[in-house]
PDB file of all heavy atoms in Angstrom:
ATOM      1  N   ASP A   1     -20.699   6.252 -26.665  1.00  0.00           N
ATOM      2  CA  ASP A   1     -22.013   5.653 -26.438  1.00  0.00           C
ATOM      3  C   ASP A   1     -22.136   4.831 -25.197  1.00  0.00           C
ATOM      4  O   ASP A   1     -23.092   4.828 -24.506  1.00  0.00           O
ATOM      5  CB  ASP A   1     -22.300   4.695 -27.628  1.00  0.00           C
ATOM      6  CG  ASP A   1     -22.606   5.455 -28.977  1.00  0.00           C
ATOM      7  OD1 ASP A   1     -22.902   6.655 -28.850  1.00  0.00           O
ATOM      8  OD2 ASP A   1     -22.551   4.827 -30.097  1.00  0.00           O
ATOM      9  N   GLN A   2     -20.990   4.136 -24.814  1.00  0.00           N
ATOM     10  CA  GLN A   2     -21.007   3.351 -23.544  1.00  0.00           C
ATOM     11  C   GLN A   2     -21.106   4.320 -22.350  1.00  0.00           C
ATOM     12  O   GLN A   2     -21.748   4.009 -21.337  1.00  0.00           O
ATOM     13  CB  GLN A   2     -19.757   2.538 -23.494  1.00  0.00           C
ATOM     14  CG  GLN A   2     -19.738   1.338 -24.507  1.00  0.00           C
ATOM     15  CD  GLN A   2     -18.445   0.642 -24.584  1.00  0.00           C
ATOM     16  OE1 GLN A   2     -17.323   1.261 -24.495  1.00  0.00           O
ATOM     17  NE2 GLN A   2     -18.388  -0.674 -24.731  1.00  0.00           N
ATOM     18  N   ILE A   3     -20.355   5.412 -22.416  1.00  0.00           N
ATOM     19  CA  ILE A   3     -20.374   6.387 -21.331  1.00  0.00           C
ATOM     20  C   ILE A   3     -21.765   6.940 -21.204  1.00  0.00           C
ATOM     21  O   ILE A   3     -22.268   7.100 -20.082  1.00  0.00           O
ATOM     22  CB  ILE A   3     -19.326   7.443 -21.458  1.00  0.00           C
ATOM     23  CG1 ILE A   3     -17.858   6.792 -21.382  1.00  0.00           C
ATOM     24  CG2 ILE A   3     -19.435   8.487 -20.356  1.00  0.00           C
ATOM     25  CD1 ILE A   3     -16.767   7.733 -21.766  1.00  0.00           C
ATOM     26  N   MET A   4     -22.367   7.348 -22.293  1.00  0.00           N
ATOM     27  CA  MET A   4     -23.682   7.873 -22.321  1.00  0.00           C
ATOM     28  C   MET A   4     -24.710   6.874 -21.713  1.00  0.00           C
ATOM     29  O   MET A   4     -25.580   7.205 -20.931  1.00  0.00           O
ATOM     30  CB  MET A   4     -24.112   8.357 -23.680  1.00  0.00           C
ATOM     31  CG  MET A   4     -25.560   8.884 -23.706  1.00  0.00           C
ATOM     32  SD  MET A   4     -25.798  10.426 -22.654  1.00  0.00           S
ATOM     33  CE  MET A   4     -25.002  11.613 -23.708  1.00  0.00           C
ATOM     34  N   ALA A   5     -24.546   5.636 -22.172  1.00  0.00           N
ATOM     35  CA  ALA A   5     -25.503   4.582 -21.666  1.00  0.00           C
ATOM     36  C   ALA A   5     -25.301   4.403 -20.174  1.00  0.00           C
ATOM     37  O   ALA A   5     -26.289   4.184 -19.431  1.00  0.00           O
ATOM     38  CB  ALA A   5     -25.239   3.312 -22.371  1.00  0.00           C
ATOM     39  N   ALA A   6     -24.084   4.516 -19.688  1.00  0.00           N
ATOM     40  CA  ALA A   6     -23.851   4.351 -18.259  1.00  0.00           C
ATOM     41  C   ALA A   6     -24.447   5.519 -17.480  1.00  0.00           C
ATOM     42  O   ALA A   6     -24.995   5.351 -16.373  1.00  0.00           O
ATOM     43  CB  ALA A   6     -22.316   4.368 -17.985  1.00  0.00           C
ATOM     44  N   ALA A   7     -24.325   6.762 -18.049  1.00  0.00           N
ATOM     45  CA  ALA A   7     -24.971   7.906 -17.396  1.00  0.00           C
ATOM     46  C   ALA A   7     -26.444   7.840 -17.309  1.00  0.00           C
ATOM     47  O   ALA A   7     -27.022   8.087 -16.289  1.00  0.00           O
ATOM     48  CB  ALA A   7     -24.572   9.181 -18.151  1.00  0.00           C
ATOM     49  N   LYS A   8     -27.105   7.316 -18.381  1.00  0.00           N
ATOM     50  CA  LYS A   8     -28.540   7.157 -18.362  1.00  0.00           C
ATOM     51  C   LYS A   8     -28.970   6.071 -17.398  1.00  0.00           C
ATOM     52  O   LYS A   8     -30.002   6.178 -16.771  1.00  0.00           O
ATOM     53  CB  LYS A   8     -29.046   6.857 -19.792  1.00  0.00           C
ATOM     54  CG  LYS A   8     -28.895   8.110 -20.725  1.00  0.00           C
ATOM     55  CD  LYS A   8     -29.423   7.790 -22.083  1.00  0.00           C
ATOM     56  CE  LYS A   8     -29.291   9.005 -22.993  1.00  0.00           C
ATOM     57  NZ  LYS A   8     -29.801   8.709 -24.354  1.00  0.00           N
ATOM     58  N   ARG A   9     -28.158   4.989 -17.258  1.00  0.00           N
ATOM     59  CA  ARG A   9     -28.474   3.986 -16.317  1.00  0.00           C
ATOM     60  C   ARG A   9     -28.392   4.462 -14.895  1.00  0.00           C
ATOM     61  O   ARG A   9     -29.261   4.167 -14.018  1.00  0.00           O
ATOM     62  CB  ARG A   9     -27.601   2.749 -16.437  1.00  0.00           C
ATOM     63  CG  ARG A   9     -27.785   1.694 -15.380  1.00  0.00           C
ATOM     64  CD  ARG A   9     -27.027   0.467 -15.629  1.00  0.00           C
ATOM     65  NE  ARG A   9     -27.558  -0.334 -16.651  1.00  0.00           N
ATOM     66  CZ  ARG A   9     -27.179  -1.683 -16.916  1.00  0.00           C
ATOM     67  NH1 ARG A   9     -26.220  -2.174 -16.188  1.00  0.00           N
ATOM     68  NH2 ARG A   9     -27.705  -2.336 -17.879  1.00  0.00           N
ATOM     69  N   MET A  10     -27.364   5.375 -14.637  1.00  0.00           N
ATOM     70  CA  MET A  10     -27.252   5.953 -13.310  1.00  0.00           C
ATOM     71  C   MET A  10     -28.384   6.781 -13.015  1.00  0.00           C
ATOM     72  O   MET A  10     -28.949   6.793 -11.872  1.00  0.00           O
ATOM     73  CB  MET A  10     -25.910   6.735 -13.329  1.00  0.00           C
ATOM     74  CG  MET A  10     -25.551   7.338 -12.012  1.00  0.00           C
ATOM     75  SD  MET A  10     -24.746   6.137 -10.877  1.00  0.00           S
ATOM     76  CE  MET A  10     -26.153   5.878  -9.680  1.00  0.00           C
ATOM     77  N   GLU A  11     -28.843   7.567 -13.994  1.00  0.00           N
ATOM     78  CA  GLU A  11     -30.070   8.421 -13.733  1.00  0.00           C
ATOM     79  C   GLU A  11     -31.285   7.559 -13.436  1.00  0.00           C
ATOM     80  O   GLU A  11     -32.038   7.904 -12.637  1.00  0.00           O
ATOM     81  CB  GLU A  11     -30.315   9.288 -15.071  1.00  0.00           C
ATOM     82  CG  GLU A  11     -31.421  10.274 -14.898  1.00  0.00           C
ATOM     83  CD  GLU A  11     -31.622  11.130 -16.119  1.00  0.00           C
ATOM     84  OE1 GLU A  11     -31.521  10.603 -17.239  1.00  0.00           O
ATOM     85  OE2 GLU A  11     -31.845  12.314 -15.917  1.00  0.00           O
ATOM     86  N   ARG A  12     -31.438   6.447 -14.154  1.00  0.00           N
ATOM     87  CA  ARG A  12     -32.564   5.610 -13.956  1.00  0.00           C
ATOM     88  C   ARG A  12     -32.585   5.010 -12.550  1.00  0.00           C
ATOM     89  O   ARG A  12     -33.643   4.703 -11.965  1.00  0.00           O
ATOM     90  CB  ARG A  12     -32.657   4.474 -14.996  1.00  0.00           C
ATOM     91  CG  ARG A  12     -33.095   4.998 -16.426  1.00  0.00           C
ATOM     92  CD  ARG A  12     -33.437   3.849 -17.312  1.00  0.00           C
ATOM     93  NE  ARG A  12     -32.369   2.891 -17.517  1.00  0.00           N
ATOM     94  CZ  ARG A  12     -31.461   3.043 -18.513  1.00  0.00           C
ATOM     95  NH1 ARG A  12     -31.567   4.023 -19.331  1.00  0.00           N
ATOM     96  NH2 ARG A  12     -30.496   2.135 -18.636  1.00  0.00           N
ATOM     97  N   VAL A  13     -31.421   4.731 -12.022  1.00  0.00           N
ATOM     98  CA  VAL A  13     -31.325   4.173 -10.623  1.00  0.00           C
ATOM     99  C   VAL A  13     -32.006   5.092  -9.611  1.00  0.00           C
ATOM    100  O   VAL A  13     -32.707   4.667  -8.685  1.00  0.00           O
ATOM    101  CB  VAL A  13     -29.867   3.839 -10.320  1.00  0.00           C
ATOM    102  CG1 VAL A  13     -29.717   3.637  -8.766  1.00  0.00           C
ATOM    103  CG2 VAL A  13     -29.417   2.622 -11.009  1.00  0.00           C
ATOM    104  N   TYR A  14     -31.709   6.400  -9.845  1.00  0.00           N
ATOM    105  CA  TYR A  14     -32.382   7.320  -8.925  1.00  0.00           C
ATOM    106  C   TYR A  14     -33.883   7.414  -9.122  1.00  0.00           C
ATOM    107  O   TYR A  14     -34.656   7.562  -8.241  1.00  0.00           O
ATOM    108  CB  TYR A  14     -31.798   8.769  -9.185  1.00  0.00           C
ATOM    109  CG  TYR A  14     -30.392   8.981  -8.676  1.00  0.00           C
ATOM    110  CD1 TYR A  14     -29.312   9.213  -9.594  1.00  0.00           C
ATOM    111  CD2 TYR A  14     -30.125   8.901  -7.354  1.00  0.00           C
ATOM    112  CE1 TYR A  14     -28.073   9.377  -9.139  1.00  0.00           C
ATOM    113  CE2 TYR A  14     -28.854   9.104  -6.849  1.00  0.00           C
ATOM    114  CZ  TYR A  14     -27.814   9.326  -7.775  1.00  0.00           C
ATOM    115  OH  TYR A  14     -26.554   9.509  -7.316  1.00  0.00           O
ATOM    116  N   GLU A  15     -34.381   7.207 -10.406  1.00  0.00           N
ATOM    117  CA  GLU A  15     -35.786   7.244 -10.702  1.00  0.00           C
ATOM    118  C   GLU A  15     -36.477   5.984 -10.211  1.00  0.00           C
ATOM    119  O   GLU A  15     -37.615   6.017  -9.748  1.00  0.00           O
ATOM    120  CB  GLU A  15     -35.953   7.461 -12.171  1.00  0.00           C
ATOM    121  CG  GLU A  15     -35.489   8.867 -12.662  1.00  0.00           C
ATOM    122  CD  GLU A  15     -35.529   9.003 -14.155  1.00  0.00           C
ATOM    123  OE1 GLU A  15     -35.737   7.908 -14.812  1.00  0.00           O
ATOM    124  OE2 GLU A  15     -35.288  10.074 -14.699  1.00  0.00           O
ATOM    125  N   ASN A  16     -35.790   4.822 -10.426  1.00  0.00           N
ATOM    126  CA  ASN A  16     -36.420   3.548 -10.129  1.00  0.00           C
ATOM    127  C   ASN A  16     -35.390   2.527  -9.670  1.00  0.00           C
ATOM    128  O   ASN A  16     -34.880   1.708 -10.383  1.00  0.00           O
ATOM    129  CB  ASN A  16     -37.106   3.013 -11.373  1.00  0.00           C
ATOM    130  CG  ASN A  16     -37.792   1.620 -11.129  1.00  0.00           C
ATOM    131  OD1 ASN A  16     -38.063   1.331  -9.958  1.00  0.00           O
ATOM    132  ND2 ASN A  16     -38.031   0.867 -12.197  1.00  0.00           N
ATOM    133  N   PRO A  17     -35.001   2.553  -8.383  1.00  0.00           N
ATOM    134  CA  PRO A  17     -34.048   1.623  -7.814  1.00  0.00           C
ATOM    135  C   PRO A  17     -34.530   0.169  -7.830  1.00  0.00           C
ATOM    136  O   PRO A  17     -33.707  -0.726  -7.659  1.00  0.00           O
ATOM    137  CB  PRO A  17     -33.763   2.122  -6.386  1.00  0.00           C
ATOM    138  CG  PRO A  17     -34.997   2.863  -6.062  1.00  0.00           C
ATOM    139  CD  PRO A  17     -35.446   3.561  -7.339  1.00  0.00           C
ATOM    140  N   ASP A  18     -35.825  -0.018  -8.057  1.00  0.00           N
ATOM    141  CA  ASP A  18     -36.384  -1.348  -7.980  1.00  0.00           C
ATOM    142  C   ASP A  18     -36.570  -1.955  -9.373  1.00  0.00           C
ATOM    143  O   ASP A  18     -37.499  -2.745  -9.617  1.00  0.00           O
ATOM    144  CB  ASP A  18     -37.724  -1.363  -7.228  1.00  0.00           C
ATOM    145  CG  ASP A  18     -37.583  -1.002  -5.811  1.00  0.00           C
ATOM    146  OD1 ASP A  18     -36.609  -1.450  -5.139  1.00  0.00           O
ATOM    147  OD2 ASP A  18     -38.413  -0.207  -5.339  1.00  0.00           O
ATOM    148  N   HIS A  19     -35.741  -1.558 -10.324  1.00  0.00           N
ATOM    149  CA  HIS A  19     -35.814  -1.973 -11.726  1.00  0.00           C
ATOM    150  C   HIS A  19     -35.731  -3.479 -11.751  1.00  0.00           C
ATOM    151  O   HIS A  19     -35.045  -4.172 -10.968  1.00  0.00           O
ATOM    152  CB  HIS A  19     -34.695  -1.386 -12.526  1.00  0.00           C
ATOM    153  CG  HIS A  19     -34.929  -1.496 -13.941  1.00  0.00           C
ATOM    154  ND1 HIS A  19     -34.641  -2.625 -14.666  1.00  0.00           N
ATOM    155  CD2 HIS A  19     -35.359  -0.625 -14.967  1.00  0.00           C
ATOM    156  CE1 HIS A  19     -34.854  -2.513 -15.945  1.00  0.00           C
ATOM    157  NE2 HIS A  19     -35.297  -1.280 -16.140  1.00  0.00           N
ATOM    158  N   GLU A  20     -36.486  -4.035 -12.631  1.00  0.00           N
ATOM    159  CA  GLU A  20     -36.614  -5.520 -12.768  1.00  0.00           C
ATOM    160  C   GLU A  20     -35.317  -6.228 -13.079  1.00  0.00           C
ATOM    161  O   GLU A  20     -35.105  -7.471 -12.831  1.00  0.00           O
ATOM    162  CB  GLU A  20     -37.654  -5.944 -13.777  1.00  0.00           C
ATOM    163  CG  GLU A  20     -37.348  -5.484 -15.226  1.00  0.00           C
ATOM    164  CD  GLU A  20     -38.476  -5.868 -16.203  1.00  0.00           C
ATOM    165  OE1 GLU A  20     -39.508  -6.296 -15.715  1.00  0.00           O
ATOM    166  OE2 GLU A  20     -38.273  -5.619 -17.392  1.00  0.00           O
ATOM    167  N   LYS A  21     -34.358  -5.534 -13.736  1.00  0.00           N
ATOM    168  CA  LYS A  21     -33.079  -6.079 -14.099  1.00  0.00           C
ATOM    169  C   LYS A  21     -32.068  -6.040 -12.926  1.00  0.00           C
ATOM    170  O   LYS A  21     -30.963  -6.578 -13.093  1.00  0.00           O
ATOM    171  CB  LYS A  21     -32.537  -5.444 -15.261  1.00  0.00           C
ATOM    172  CG  LYS A  21     -33.401  -5.716 -16.560  1.00  0.00           C
ATOM    173  CD  LYS A  21     -32.761  -5.181 -17.822  1.00  0.00           C
ATOM    174  CE  LYS A  21     -33.604  -5.505 -19.072  1.00  0.00           C
ATOM    175  NZ  LYS A  21     -32.926  -4.991 -20.300  1.00  0.00           N
ATOM    176  N   VAL A  22     -32.452  -5.465 -11.741  1.00  0.00           N
ATOM    177  CA  VAL A  22     -31.609  -5.502 -10.611  1.00  0.00           C
ATOM    178  C   VAL A  22     -31.781  -6.834  -9.927  1.00  0.00           C
ATOM    179  O   VAL A  22     -32.870  -7.230  -9.521  1.00  0.00           O
ATOM    180  CB  VAL A  22     -31.955  -4.392  -9.618  1.00  0.00           C
ATOM    181  CG1 VAL A  22     -31.196  -4.523  -8.357  1.00  0.00           C
ATOM    182  CG2 VAL A  22     -31.689  -3.003 -10.272  1.00  0.00           C
ATOM    183  N   VAL A  23     -30.740  -7.657  -9.866  1.00  0.00           N
ATOM    184  CA  VAL A  23     -30.830  -8.982  -9.295  1.00  0.00           C
ATOM    185  C   VAL A  23     -30.329  -9.115  -7.844  1.00  0.00           C
ATOM    186  O   VAL A  23     -30.627  -9.992  -7.096  1.00  0.00           O
ATOM    187  CB  VAL A  23     -30.097  -9.992 -10.204  1.00  0.00           C
ATOM    188  CG1 VAL A  23     -30.824 -10.122 -11.575  1.00  0.00           C
ATOM    189  CG2 VAL A  23     -28.642  -9.683 -10.390  1.00  0.00           C
ATOM    190  N   GLU A  24     -29.480  -8.149  -7.480  1.00  0.00           N
ATOM    191  CA  GLU A  24     -28.946  -8.118  -6.078  1.00  0.00           C
ATOM    192  C   GLU A  24     -28.822  -6.604  -5.636  1.00  0.00           C
ATOM    193  O   GLU A  24     -28.538  -5.692  -6.494  1.00  0.00           O
ATOM    194  CB  GLU A  24     -27.593  -8.815  -5.917  1.00  0.00           C
ATOM    195  CG  GLU A  24     -27.604 -10.308  -6.279  1.00  0.00           C
ATOM    196  CD  GLU A  24     -28.159 -11.140  -5.188  1.00  0.00           C
ATOM    197  OE1 GLU A  24     -28.383 -10.570  -4.073  1.00  0.00           O
ATOM    198  OE2 GLU A  24     -28.458 -12.283  -5.414  1.00  0.00           O
ATOM    199  N   ARG A  25     -28.975  -6.396  -4.391  1.00  0.00           N
ATOM    200  CA  ARG A  25     -28.765  -5.015  -3.921  1.00  0.00           C
ATOM    201  C   ARG A  25     -28.307  -5.072  -2.491  1.00  0.00           C
ATOM    202  O   ARG A  25     -28.417  -6.021  -1.798  1.00  0.00           O
ATOM    203  CB  ARG A  25     -30.141  -4.224  -3.982  1.00  0.00           C
ATOM    204  CG  ARG A  25     -31.150  -4.692  -2.944  1.00  0.00           C
ATOM    205  CD  ARG A  25     -32.488  -4.026  -3.225  1.00  0.00           C
ATOM    206  NE  ARG A  25     -33.025  -4.527  -4.483  1.00  0.00           N
ATOM    207  CZ  ARG A  25     -33.763  -3.821  -5.295  1.00  0.00           C
ATOM    208  NH1 ARG A  25     -33.981  -2.557  -5.051  1.00  0.00           N
ATOM    209  NH2 ARG A  25     -34.188  -4.388  -6.442  1.00  0.00           N
ATOM    210  N   ILE A  26     -27.723  -3.905  -2.085  1.00  0.00           N
ATOM    211  CA  ILE A  26     -27.256  -3.739  -0.687  1.00  0.00           C
ATOM    212  C   ILE A  26     -27.792  -2.398  -0.192  1.00  0.00           C
ATOM    213  O   ILE A  26     -27.707  -1.384  -0.885  1.00  0.00           O
ATOM    214  CB  ILE A  26     -25.786  -3.886  -0.501  1.00  0.00           C
ATOM    215  CG1 ILE A  26     -25.363  -3.805   0.974  1.00  0.00           C
ATOM    216  CG2 ILE A  26     -24.997  -2.769  -1.308  1.00  0.00           C
ATOM    217  CD1 ILE A  26     -23.952  -3.967   1.200  1.00  0.00           C
ATOM    218  N   GLU A  27     -28.356  -2.397   1.016  1.00  0.00           N
ATOM    219  CA  GLU A  27     -28.704  -1.165   1.680  1.00  0.00           C
ATOM    220  C   GLU A  27     -28.358  -1.348   3.105  1.00  0.00           C
ATOM    221  O   GLU A  27     -29.037  -2.049   3.911  1.00  0.00           O
ATOM    222  CB  GLU A  27     -30.248  -0.928   1.567  1.00  0.00           C
ATOM    223  CG  GLU A  27     -30.677  -0.656   0.110  1.00  0.00           C
ATOM    224  CD  GLU A  27     -32.158  -0.272  -0.083  1.00  0.00           C
ATOM    225  OE1 GLU A  27     -32.741   0.097   1.017  1.00  0.00           O
ATOM    226  OE2 GLU A  27     -32.712  -0.238  -1.141  1.00  0.00           O
ATOM    227  N   ASN A  28     -27.210  -0.729   3.499  1.00  0.00           N
ATOM    228  CA  ASN A  28     -26.678  -1.003   4.736  1.00  0.00           C
ATOM    229  C   ASN A  28     -26.042   0.246   5.327  1.00  0.00           C
ATOM    230  O   ASN A  28     -25.035   0.839   4.746  1.00  0.00           O
ATOM    231  CB  ASN A  28     -25.549  -2.127   4.616  1.00  0.00           C
ATOM    232  CG  ASN A  28     -24.865  -2.470   6.008  1.00  0.00           C
ATOM    233  OD1 ASN A  28     -25.423  -2.126   7.042  1.00  0.00           O
ATOM    234  ND2 ASN A  28     -23.821  -3.147   5.918  1.00  0.00           N
ATOM    235  N   ARG A  29     -26.614   0.800   6.437  1.00  0.00           N
ATOM    236  CA  ARG A  29     -26.078   1.987   7.073  1.00  0.00           C
ATOM    237  C   ARG A  29     -25.812   3.114   6.103  1.00  0.00           C
ATOM    238  O   ARG A  29     -24.782   3.784   6.144  1.00  0.00           O
ATOM    239  CB  ARG A  29     -24.792   1.655   7.834  1.00  0.00           C
ATOM    240  CG  ARG A  29     -24.998   0.601   8.984  1.00  0.00           C
ATOM    241  CD  ARG A  29     -23.771   0.505   9.870  1.00  0.00           C
ATOM    242  NE  ARG A  29     -22.572   0.266   9.165  1.00  0.00           N
ATOM    243  CZ  ARG A  29     -21.564   1.153   8.947  1.00  0.00           C
ATOM    244  NH1 ARG A  29     -21.729   2.337   9.483  1.00  0.00           N
ATOM    245  NH2 ARG A  29     -20.508   0.925   8.259  1.00  0.00           N
ATOM    246  N   GLY A  30     -26.745   3.446   5.274  1.00  0.00           N
ATOM    247  CA  GLY A  30     -26.636   4.475   4.335  1.00  0.00           C
ATOM    248  C   GLY A  30     -25.959   4.175   3.058  1.00  0.00           C
ATOM    249  O   GLY A  30     -25.759   5.099   2.174  1.00  0.00           O
ATOM    250  N   VAL A  31     -25.477   3.014   2.863  1.00  0.00           N
ATOM    251  CA  VAL A  31     -24.761   2.613   1.608  1.00  0.00           C
ATOM    252  C   VAL A  31     -25.690   1.821   0.762  1.00  0.00           C
ATOM    253  O   VAL A  31     -26.401   0.837   1.243  1.00  0.00           O
ATOM    254  CB  VAL A  31     -23.540   1.751   1.961  1.00  0.00           C
ATOM    255  CG1 VAL A  31     -22.881   1.241   0.690  1.00  0.00           C
ATOM    256  CG2 VAL A  31     -22.566   2.485   2.861  1.00  0.00           C
ATOM    257  N   GLN A  32     -25.905   2.244  -0.477  1.00  0.00           N
ATOM    258  CA  GLN A  32     -26.718   1.585  -1.443  1.00  0.00           C
ATOM    259  C   GLN A  32     -25.918   1.160  -2.701  1.00  0.00           C
ATOM    260  O   GLN A  32     -25.100   1.950  -3.116  1.00  0.00           O
ATOM    261  CB  GLN A  32     -27.944   2.353  -1.892  1.00  0.00           C
ATOM    262  CG  GLN A  32     -28.981   2.672  -0.837  1.00  0.00           C
ATOM    263  CD  GLN A  32     -28.664   3.947  -0.044  1.00  0.00           C
ATOM    264  OE1 GLN A  32     -28.115   4.877  -0.525  1.00  0.00           O
ATOM    265  NE2 GLN A  32     -29.004   3.934   1.241  1.00  0.00           N
ATOM    266  N   ALA A  33     -26.144  -0.016  -3.220  1.00  0.00           N
ATOM    267  CA  ALA A  33     -25.536  -0.413  -4.440  1.00  0.00           C
ATOM    268  C   ALA A  33     -26.438  -1.446  -5.126  1.00  0.00           C
ATOM    269  O   ALA A  33     -27.123  -2.241  -4.418  1.00  0.00           O
ATOM    270  CB  ALA A  33     -24.161  -0.997  -4.145  1.00  0.00           C
ATOM    271  N   TYR A  34     -26.475  -1.416  -6.464  1.00  0.00           N
ATOM    272  CA  TYR A  34     -27.401  -2.267  -7.193  1.00  0.00           C
ATOM    273  C   TYR A  34     -26.588  -3.059  -8.267  1.00  0.00           C
ATOM    274  O   TYR A  34     -25.812  -2.424  -8.984  1.00  0.00           O
ATOM    275  CB  TYR A  34     -28.430  -1.421  -7.871  1.00  0.00           C
ATOM    276  CG  TYR A  34     -29.179  -0.547  -6.836  1.00  0.00           C
ATOM    277  CD1 TYR A  34     -28.762   0.706  -6.519  1.00  0.00           C
ATOM    278  CD2 TYR A  34     -30.333  -1.059  -6.157  1.00  0.00           C
ATOM    279  CE1 TYR A  34     -29.437   1.491  -5.591  1.00  0.00           C
ATOM    280  CE2 TYR A  34     -30.991  -0.339  -5.240  1.00  0.00           C
ATOM    281  CZ  TYR A  34     -30.547   0.943  -4.949  1.00  0.00           C
ATOM    282  OH  TYR A  34     -31.223   1.693  -4.025  1.00  0.00           O
ATOM    283  N   PHE A  35     -26.874  -4.364  -8.243  1.00  0.00           N
ATOM    284  CA  PHE A  35     -26.153  -5.243  -9.222  1.00  0.00           C
ATOM    285  C   PHE A  35     -27.134  -5.734 -10.243  1.00  0.00           C
ATOM    286  O   PHE A  35     -28.192  -6.360  -9.919  1.00  0.00           O
ATOM    287  CB  PHE A  35     -25.577  -6.435  -8.448  1.00  0.00           C
ATOM    288  CG  PHE A  35     -24.706  -7.288  -9.204  1.00  0.00           C
ATOM    289  CD1 PHE A  35     -23.406  -6.885  -9.623  1.00  0.00           C
ATOM    290  CD2 PHE A  35     -25.025  -8.543  -9.565  1.00  0.00           C
ATOM    291  CE1 PHE A  35     -22.563  -7.711 -10.332  1.00  0.00           C
ATOM    292  CE2 PHE A  35     -24.216  -9.419 -10.306  1.00  0.00           C
ATOM    293  CZ  PHE A  35     -23.043  -8.951 -10.697  1.00  0.00           C
ATOM    294  N   TYR A  36     -26.861  -5.498 -11.471  1.00  0.00           N
ATOM    295  CA  TYR A  36     -27.745  -5.845 -12.589  1.00  0.00           C
ATOM    296  C   TYR A  36     -27.424  -7.154 -13.184  1.00  0.00           C
ATOM    297  O   TYR A  36     -26.339  -7.685 -13.023  1.00  0.00           O
ATOM    298  CB  TYR A  36     -27.667  -4.739 -13.664  1.00  0.00           C
ATOM    299  CG  TYR A  36     -28.426  -3.509 -13.312  1.00  0.00           C
ATOM    300  CD1 TYR A  36     -27.912  -2.591 -12.380  1.00  0.00           C
ATOM    301  CD2 TYR A  36     -29.697  -3.214 -13.949  1.00  0.00           C
ATOM    302  CE1 TYR A  36     -28.681  -1.435 -12.054  1.00  0.00           C
ATOM    303  CE2 TYR A  36     -30.337  -2.046 -13.618  1.00  0.00           C
ATOM    304  CZ  TYR A  36     -29.822  -1.213 -12.693  1.00  0.00           C
ATOM    305  OH  TYR A  36     -30.582   0.018 -12.361  1.00  0.00           O
ATOM    306  N   GLU A  37     -28.338  -7.699 -13.902  1.00  0.00           N
ATOM    307  CA  GLU A  37     -28.228  -9.020 -14.525  1.00  0.00           C
ATOM    308  C   GLU A  37     -27.030  -9.103 -15.514  1.00  0.00           C
ATOM    309  O   GLU A  37     -26.580 -10.206 -15.805  1.00  0.00           O
ATOM    310  CB  GLU A  37     -29.493  -9.532 -15.188  1.00  0.00           C
ATOM    311  CG  GLU A  37     -29.987  -8.671 -16.309  1.00  0.00           C
ATOM    312  CD  GLU A  37     -31.353  -9.121 -16.805  1.00  0.00           C
ATOM    313  OE1 GLU A  37     -32.018  -9.947 -16.134  1.00  0.00           O
ATOM    314  OE2 GLU A  37     -31.739  -8.683 -17.899  1.00  0.00           O
ATOM    315  N   ASP A  38     -26.613  -7.930 -16.024  1.00  0.00           N
ATOM    316  CA  ASP A  38     -25.499  -7.925 -16.976  1.00  0.00           C
ATOM    317  C   ASP A  38     -24.189  -7.761 -16.251  1.00  0.00           C
ATOM    318  O   ASP A  38     -23.168  -7.462 -16.850  1.00  0.00           O
ATOM    319  CB  ASP A  38     -25.704  -6.901 -18.051  1.00  0.00           C
ATOM    320  CG  ASP A  38     -25.700  -5.505 -17.523  1.00  0.00           C
ATOM    321  OD1 ASP A  38     -25.663  -5.293 -16.305  1.00  0.00           O
ATOM    322  OD2 ASP A  38     -25.781  -4.549 -18.294  1.00  0.00           O
ATOM    323  N   LYS A  39     -24.275  -7.890 -14.942  1.00  0.00           N
ATOM    324  CA  LYS A  39     -22.995  -7.837 -14.063  1.00  0.00           C
ATOM    325  C   LYS A  39     -22.494  -6.424 -13.914  1.00  0.00           C
ATOM    326  O   LYS A  39     -21.271  -6.260 -13.697  1.00  0.00           O
ATOM    327  CB  LYS A  39     -21.931  -8.821 -14.432  1.00  0.00           C
ATOM    328  CG  LYS A  39     -22.428 -10.282 -14.386  1.00  0.00           C
ATOM    329  CD  LYS A  39     -21.239 -11.215 -14.626  1.00  0.00           C
ATOM    330  CE  LYS A  39     -21.656 -12.717 -14.534  1.00  0.00           C
ATOM    331  NZ  LYS A  39     -22.131 -13.003 -13.121  1.00  0.00           N
ATOM    332  N   THR A  40     -23.315  -5.414 -14.047  1.00  0.00           N
ATOM    333  CA  THR A  40     -22.971  -4.076 -13.797  1.00  0.00           C
ATOM    334  C   THR A  40     -23.268  -3.640 -12.408  1.00  0.00           C
ATOM    335  O   THR A  40     -24.471  -3.896 -11.933  1.00  0.00           O
ATOM    336  CB  THR A  40     -23.655  -3.080 -14.791  1.00  0.00           C
ATOM    337  OG1 THR A  40     -23.230  -3.366 -16.116  1.00  0.00           O
ATOM    338  CG2 THR A  40     -23.248  -1.623 -14.516  1.00  0.00           C
ATOM    339  N   LEU A  41     -22.393  -3.082 -11.644  1.00  0.00           N
ATOM    340  CA  LEU A  41     -22.664  -2.634 -10.298  1.00  0.00           C
ATOM    341  C   LEU A  41     -22.800  -1.087 -10.349  1.00  0.00           C
ATOM    342  O   LEU A  41     -21.963  -0.350 -10.852  1.00  0.00           O
ATOM    343  CB  LEU A  41     -21.451  -2.961  -9.361  1.00  0.00           C
ATOM    344  CG  LEU A  41     -21.590  -2.504  -7.960  1.00  0.00           C
ATOM    345  CD1 LEU A  41     -22.700  -3.249  -7.207  1.00  0.00           C
ATOM    346  CD2 LEU A  41     -20.237  -2.657  -7.202  1.00  0.00           C
ATOM    347  N   VAL A  42     -23.930  -0.634  -9.827  1.00  0.00           N
ATOM    348  CA  VAL A  42     -24.231   0.841  -9.858  1.00  0.00           C
ATOM    349  C   VAL A  42     -24.267   1.344  -8.406  1.00  0.00           C
ATOM    350  O   VAL A  42     -25.051   0.792  -7.598  1.00  0.00           O
ATOM    351  CB  VAL A  42     -25.633   1.070 -10.549  1.00  0.00           C
ATOM    352  CG1 VAL A  42     -25.891   2.578 -10.641  1.00  0.00           C
ATOM    353  CG2 VAL A  42     -25.560   0.512 -11.999  1.00  0.00           C
TER     354      VAL A  42
END
């Protein structure tokens, strides 16, 4: 269940990188990463 939830979160990042639960992000020279309020880095 945790792996499936992680896979679905990863899919949602492609669909909506501006999700409201994203509290920090980096976009630097082609590198993107998103940090969620539950301390998950995607």
